[in-house]
């Protein structure tokens, strides 16, 4: 994972949690399980990579931030 990708990856568990809520409201038990597992895996990957899991944090916990220029 490139440091520039960390902010996008940190945002994904939050998206998955919204999908969990939506699926739960619709009675989609398997969808809830799937989105919960994805959110857990993303959080684990961030932790394994030494990245913070706070979606609002723009910096890595161990590496300096690297910003892409488009």
N, C-alpha and C. Protein backbone atom coordinates (compact mmCIF):
# COMPACT_ATOMS: atom_id res chain seq x y z
N UNK A 1 0.85 -1.18 0.00
CA UNK A 1 0.00 0.00 0.00
C UNK A 1 0.88 1.23 0.00
N UNK A 2 0.59 2.16 -0.86
CA UNK A 2 1.30 3.42 -0.90
C UNK A 2 0.74 4.35 0.17
N UNK A 3 1.57 5.17 0.80
CA UNK A 3 1.07 6.10 1.81
C UNK A 3 -0.06 7.00 1.29
N UNK A 4 -0.03 7.33 0.01
CA UNK A 4 -1.07 8.18 -0.55
C UNK A 4 -2.44 7.50 -0.56
N UNK A 5 -2.45 6.18 -0.50
CA UNK A 5 -3.71 5.43 -0.50
C UNK A 5 -4.32 5.29 0.88
N UNK A 6 -3.57 5.58 1.93
CA UNK A 6 -4.04 5.38 3.30
C UNK A 6 -5.33 6.14 3.62
N UNK A 7 -5.48 7.41 3.25
CA UNK A 7 -6.73 8.10 3.59
C UNK A 7 -7.96 7.43 2.98
N UNK A 8 -7.84 6.97 1.75
CA UNK A 8 -8.96 6.30 1.10
C UNK A 8 -9.26 4.97 1.79
N UNK A 9 -8.22 4.25 2.15
CA UNK A 9 -8.40 2.97 2.84
C UNK A 9 -8.99 3.17 4.23
N UNK A 10 -8.59 4.25 4.92
CA UNK A 10 -9.14 4.54 6.25
C UNK A 10 -10.63 4.86 6.18
N UNK A 11 -11.08 5.42 5.07
CA UNK A 11 -12.49 5.79 4.93
C UNK A 11 -13.39 4.59 4.67
N UNK A 12 -12.83 3.52 4.13
CA UNK A 12 -13.65 2.36 3.73
C UNK A 12 -14.40 1.67 4.87
N UNK A 13 -13.80 1.46 6.06
CA UNK A 13 -14.58 0.82 7.12
C UNK A 13 -15.85 1.59 7.47
N UNK A 14 -15.77 2.92 7.41
CA UNK A 14 -16.95 3.74 7.69
C UNK A 14 -18.02 3.50 6.62
N UNK A 15 -17.61 3.41 5.38
CA UNK A 15 -18.55 3.11 4.28
C UNK A 15 -19.17 1.74 4.50
N UNK A 16 -18.35 0.77 4.86
CA UNK A 16 -18.86 -0.58 5.10
C UNK A 16 -19.86 -0.59 6.25
N UNK A 17 -19.63 0.21 7.29
CA UNK A 17 -20.57 0.26 8.41
C UNK A 17 -21.92 0.84 7.98
N UNK A 18 -21.89 1.82 7.08
CA UNK A 18 -23.16 2.34 6.55
C UNK A 18 -23.88 1.27 5.74
N UNK A 19 -23.12 0.47 5.00
CA UNK A 19 -23.71 -0.62 4.24
C UNK A 19 -24.28 -1.70 5.17
N UNK A 20 -23.61 -1.94 6.29
CA UNK A 20 -24.11 -2.88 7.30
C UNK A 20 -25.47 -2.40 7.81
N UNK A 21 -25.55 -1.12 8.14
CA UNK A 21 -26.80 -0.56 8.66
C UNK A 21 -27.91 -0.68 7.61
N UNK A 22 -27.61 -0.33 6.37
CA UNK A 22 -28.60 -0.40 5.30
C UNK A 22 -29.08 -1.84 5.10
N UNK A 23 -28.13 -2.77 5.04
CA UNK A 23 -28.49 -4.17 4.85
C UNK A 23 -29.32 -4.69 6.02
N UNK A 24 -28.97 -4.27 7.23
CA UNK A 24 -29.73 -4.69 8.41
C UNK A 24 -31.17 -4.19 8.36
N UNK A 25 -31.35 -2.97 7.90
CA UNK A 25 -32.70 -2.42 7.79
C UNK A 25 -33.54 -3.16 6.76
N UNK A 26 -32.86 -3.71 5.76
CA UNK A 26 -33.56 -4.46 4.71
C UNK A 26 -33.64 -5.96 5.00
N UNK A 27 -33.05 -6.38 6.13
CA UNK A 27 -33.10 -7.79 6.49
C UNK A 27 -32.09 -8.65 5.77
N UNK A 28 -31.05 -8.07 5.25
CA UNK A 28 -30.03 -8.82 4.51
C UNK A 28 -28.95 -9.36 5.42
N UNK A 29 -29.23 -10.47 6.08
CA UNK A 29 -28.32 -11.04 7.05
C UNK A 29 -26.95 -11.35 6.46
N UNK A 30 -26.91 -11.97 5.30
CA UNK A 30 -25.62 -12.30 4.67
C UNK A 30 -24.86 -11.04 4.26
N UNK A 31 -25.59 -10.02 3.82
CA UNK A 31 -24.93 -8.76 3.47
C UNK A 31 -24.31 -8.12 4.70
N UNK A 32 -25.03 -8.16 5.82
CA UNK A 32 -24.51 -7.62 7.08
C UNK A 32 -23.21 -8.34 7.43
N UNK A 33 -23.23 -9.65 7.36
CA UNK A 33 -22.03 -10.44 7.68
C UNK A 33 -20.87 -10.10 6.75
N UNK A 34 -21.16 -9.97 5.48
CA UNK A 34 -20.11 -9.68 4.49
C UNK A 34 -19.50 -8.30 4.72
N UNK A 35 -20.34 -7.28 4.89
CA UNK A 35 -19.83 -5.92 5.08
C UNK A 35 -19.10 -5.79 6.41
N UNK A 36 -19.56 -6.49 7.42
CA UNK A 36 -18.87 -6.48 8.72
C UNK A 36 -17.49 -7.10 8.57
N UNK A 37 -17.40 -8.22 7.85
CA UNK A 37 -16.11 -8.88 7.64
C UNK A 37 -15.15 -7.99 6.84
N UNK A 38 -15.67 -7.30 5.83
CA UNK A 38 -14.83 -6.40 5.03
C UNK A 38 -14.29 -5.26 5.90
N UNK A 39 -15.15 -4.66 6.71
CA UNK A 39 -14.73 -3.57 7.59
C UNK A 39 -13.66 -4.05 8.57
N UNK A 40 -13.86 -5.23 9.12
CA UNK A 40 -12.89 -5.79 10.06
C UNK A 40 -11.56 -6.05 9.37
N UNK A 41 -11.60 -6.57 8.15
CA UNK A 41 -10.37 -6.86 7.41
C UNK A 41 -9.62 -5.58 7.05
N UNK A 42 -10.34 -4.56 6.62
CA UNK A 42 -9.70 -3.29 6.29
C UNK A 42 -9.02 -2.68 7.51
N UNK A 43 -9.70 -2.72 8.65
CA UNK A 43 -9.12 -2.20 9.89
C UNK A 43 -7.87 -2.99 10.26
N UNK A 44 -7.93 -4.31 10.10
CA UNK A 44 -6.78 -5.15 10.39
C UNK A 44 -5.60 -4.84 9.47
N UNK A 45 -5.88 -4.62 8.19
CA UNK A 45 -4.81 -4.28 7.25
C UNK A 45 -4.14 -2.96 7.62
N UNK A 46 -4.94 -1.98 7.96
CA UNK A 46 -4.38 -0.69 8.36
C UNK A 46 -3.49 -0.85 9.59
N UNK A 47 -3.96 -1.61 10.56
CA UNK A 47 -3.19 -1.85 11.77
C UNK A 47 -1.89 -2.57 11.45
N UNK A 48 -1.97 -3.61 10.62
CA UNK A 48 -0.78 -4.37 10.23
C UNK A 48 0.25 -3.50 9.53
N UNK A 49 -0.23 -2.51 8.78
CA UNK A 49 0.65 -1.62 8.03
C UNK A 49 1.16 -0.44 8.87
N UNK A 50 0.73 -0.38 10.13
CA UNK A 50 1.16 0.72 10.99
C UNK A 50 0.45 2.02 10.71
N UNK A 51 -0.70 1.94 10.08
CA UNK A 51 -1.49 3.12 9.77
C UNK A 51 -2.56 3.32 10.84
N UNK A 52 -2.89 4.55 11.10
CA UNK A 52 -3.99 4.84 12.00
C UNK A 52 -5.30 4.45 11.33
N UNK A 53 -6.31 4.12 12.13
CA UNK A 53 -7.60 3.73 11.57
C UNK A 53 -8.62 4.87 11.64
N UNK A 54 -8.19 6.04 12.07
CA UNK A 54 -9.07 7.20 12.15
C UNK A 54 -9.29 7.78 10.75
N UNK A 55 -10.56 7.76 10.26
CA UNK A 55 -10.81 8.24 8.90
C UNK A 55 -10.42 9.70 8.68
N UNK A 56 -10.40 10.51 9.72
CA UNK A 56 -10.07 11.92 9.57
C UNK A 56 -8.59 12.21 9.65
N UNK A 57 -7.78 11.19 9.94
CA UNK A 57 -6.35 11.38 10.09
C UNK A 57 -5.68 11.32 8.72
N UNK A 58 -4.98 12.36 8.37
CA UNK A 58 -4.34 12.40 7.05
C UNK A 58 -2.89 11.92 7.10
N UNK A 59 -2.42 11.55 8.28
CA UNK A 59 -1.03 11.10 8.41
C UNK A 59 -0.94 9.69 8.92
N UNK A 60 0.06 8.99 8.48
CA UNK A 60 0.36 7.65 8.96
C UNK A 60 0.87 7.76 10.37
N UNK A 61 0.69 6.71 11.17
CA UNK A 61 1.20 6.71 12.53
C UNK A 61 2.70 6.51 12.57
N UNK A 62 3.31 5.99 11.50
CA UNK A 62 4.74 5.73 11.51
C UNK A 62 5.49 6.37 10.36
N UNK A 63 4.81 6.73 9.30
CA UNK A 63 5.47 7.28 8.13
C UNK A 63 4.94 8.67 7.85
N UNK A 64 5.77 9.52 7.28
CA UNK A 64 5.27 10.84 6.89
C UNK A 64 4.24 10.72 5.78
N UNK A 65 3.35 11.67 5.74
CA UNK A 65 2.31 11.68 4.72
C UNK A 65 2.92 11.92 3.36
N UNK A 66 2.37 11.26 2.36
CA UNK A 66 2.80 11.43 0.98
C UNK A 66 1.57 11.82 0.17
N UNK A 67 1.58 12.96 -0.41
CA UNK A 67 0.42 13.42 -1.15
C UNK A 67 0.68 13.33 -2.65
N UNK A 68 -0.28 12.75 -3.34
CA UNK A 68 -0.19 12.66 -4.80
C UNK A 68 -0.54 14.01 -5.40
N UNK A 69 0.08 14.33 -6.48
CA UNK A 69 -0.25 15.57 -7.18
C UNK A 69 -0.89 15.20 -8.50
N UNK A 70 -2.11 15.63 -8.67
CA UNK A 70 -2.85 15.35 -9.90
C UNK A 70 -2.97 16.59 -10.73
